[in-house]
């Protein structure tokens, strides 16, 4: 039986950052284009990072090999 290493999920690796305390951070969606119709308050809010939802944190950690 061959022992293979688990591969890191490339998409998750590029998009998710691990903080010093071990929390997972991500960027918010809907900030890429068509910004004229979105209010300044909304685009500012979308520009900030946020935490990964607790329900999927376990799956994401597996993707990252943590």
C-alpha atoms as a PDB file:
ATOM      1  CA  UNK A   1       0.000   0.000   0.000  1.00  0.00           C
ATOM      2  CA  UNK A   2       1.475   3.347  -1.047  1.00  0.00           C
ATOM      3  CA  UNK A   3       1.473   6.276   1.318  1.00  0.00           C
ATOM      4  CA  UNK A   4       0.601   9.486  -0.487  1.00  0.00           C
ATOM      5  CA  UNK A   5       0.656  12.957   0.946  1.00  0.00           C
ATOM      6  CA  UNK A   6      -2.519  14.993   0.985  1.00  0.00           C
ATOM      7  CA  UNK A   7      -2.516  17.824  -1.555  1.00  0.00           C
ATOM      8  CA  UNK A   8      -3.290  21.406  -0.568  1.00  0.00           C
ATOM      9  CA  UNK A   9      -6.291  22.892  -2.370  1.00  0.00           C
ATOM     10  CA  UNK A  10      -4.737  25.516  -4.677  1.00  0.00           C
ATOM     11  CA  UNK A  11      -7.800  27.768  -4.782  1.00  0.00           C
ATOM     12  CA  UNK A  12      -8.169  27.830  -1.011  1.00  0.00           C
ATOM     13  CA  UNK A  13      -4.432  28.391  -0.559  1.00  0.00           C
ATOM     14  CA  UNK A  14      -4.591  31.551  -2.690  1.00  0.00           C
ATOM     15  CA  UNK A  15      -7.739  32.990  -1.069  1.00  0.00           C
ATOM     16  CA  UNK A  16      -7.543  32.173   2.644  1.00  0.00           C
ATOM     17  CA  UNK A  17      -5.069  33.552   5.160  1.00  0.00           C
ATOM     18  CA  UNK A  18      -4.292  32.127   8.591  1.00  0.00           C
ATOM     19  CA  UNK A  19      -3.828  34.663  11.388  1.00  0.00           C
ATOM     20  CA  UNK A  20      -1.278  34.357  14.166  1.00  0.00           C
ATOM     21  CA  UNK A  21      -3.965  33.137  16.550  1.00  0.00           C
ATOM     22  CA  UNK A  22      -5.044  30.455  14.038  1.00  0.00           C
ATOM     23  CA  UNK A  23      -8.221  32.104  12.744  1.00  0.00           C
ATOM     24  CA  UNK A  24      -9.046  31.894   9.033  1.00  0.00           C
ATOM     25  CA  UNK A  25      -9.622  35.146   7.129  1.00  0.00           C
ATOM     26  CA  UNK A  26     -11.081  35.696   3.662  1.00  0.00           C
ATOM     27  CA  UNK A  27     -11.976  38.565   1.365  1.00  0.00           C
ATOM     28  CA  UNK A  28     -15.606  39.422   0.703  1.00  0.00           C
ATOM     29  CA  UNK A  29     -17.285  38.862  -2.658  1.00  0.00           C
ATOM     30  CA  UNK A  30     -18.892  41.460  -5.005  1.00  0.00           C
ATOM     31  CA  UNK A  31     -16.045  43.997  -4.966  1.00  0.00           C
ATOM     32  CA  UNK A  32     -14.532  43.127  -8.357  1.00  0.00           C
ATOM     33  CA  UNK A  33     -16.544  45.210 -10.819  1.00  0.00           C
ATOM     34  CA  UNK A  34     -19.847  47.106 -11.430  1.00  0.00           C
ATOM     35  CA  UNK A  35     -18.989  49.385  -8.512  1.00  0.00           C
ATOM     36  CA  UNK A  36     -20.792  52.520  -9.756  1.00  0.00           C
ATOM     37  CA  UNK A  37     -24.220  51.314  -8.684  1.00  0.00           C
ATOM     38  CA  UNK A  38     -23.017  50.131  -5.266  1.00  0.00           C
ATOM     39  CA  UNK A  39     -22.988  52.719  -2.499  1.00  0.00           C
ATOM     40  CA  UNK A  40     -19.721  53.954  -0.991  1.00  0.00           C
ATOM     41  CA  UNK A  41     -20.687  52.447   2.351  1.00  0.00           C
ATOM     42  CA  UNK A  42     -21.280  49.077   0.717  1.00  0.00           C
ATOM     43  CA  UNK A  43     -18.014  49.041  -1.253  1.00  0.00           C
ATOM     44  CA  UNK A  44     -16.067  50.046   1.875  1.00  0.00           C
ATOM     45  CA  UNK A  45     -17.693  47.235   3.823  1.00  0.00           C
ATOM     46  CA  UNK A  46     -16.958  44.729   1.056  1.00  0.00           C
ATOM     47  CA  UNK A  47     -13.318  45.821   0.982  1.00  0.00           C
ATOM     48  CA  UNK A  48     -12.648  44.539   4.489  1.00  0.00           C
ATOM     49  CA  UNK A  49     -11.609  41.011   5.354  1.00  0.00           C
ATOM     50  CA  UNK A  50     -13.870  38.758   7.390  1.00  0.00           C
ATOM     51  CA  UNK A  51     -13.670  35.458   9.242  1.00  0.00           C
ATOM     52  CA  UNK A  52     -14.589  32.134   7.672  1.00  0.00           C
ATOM     53  CA  UNK A  53     -18.018  30.868   8.813  1.00  0.00           C
ATOM     54  CA  UNK A  54     -17.701  28.435  11.743  1.00  0.00           C
ATOM     55  CA  UNK A  55     -19.745  25.777   9.933  1.00  0.00           C
ATOM     56  CA  UNK A  56     -17.201  25.335   7.128  1.00  0.00           C
ATOM     57  CA  UNK A  57     -14.018  26.030   9.071  1.00  0.00           C
ATOM     58  CA  UNK A  58     -13.250  22.323   9.492  1.00  0.00           C
ATOM     59  CA  UNK A  59     -13.575  21.706   5.717  1.00  0.00           C
ATOM     60  CA  UNK A  60     -11.360  24.681   4.884  1.00  0.00           C
ATOM     61  CA  UNK A  61      -8.683  23.556   7.339  1.00  0.00           C
ATOM     62  CA  UNK A  62      -8.639  20.161   5.643  1.00  0.00           C
ATOM     63  CA  UNK A  63      -8.243  21.885   2.254  1.00  0.00           C
ATOM     64  CA  UNK A  64      -5.253  23.801   3.598  1.00  0.00           C
ATOM     65  CA  UNK A  65      -3.715  20.755   5.213  1.00  0.00           C
ATOM     66  CA  UNK A  66      -3.996  22.126   8.767  1.00  0.00           C
END
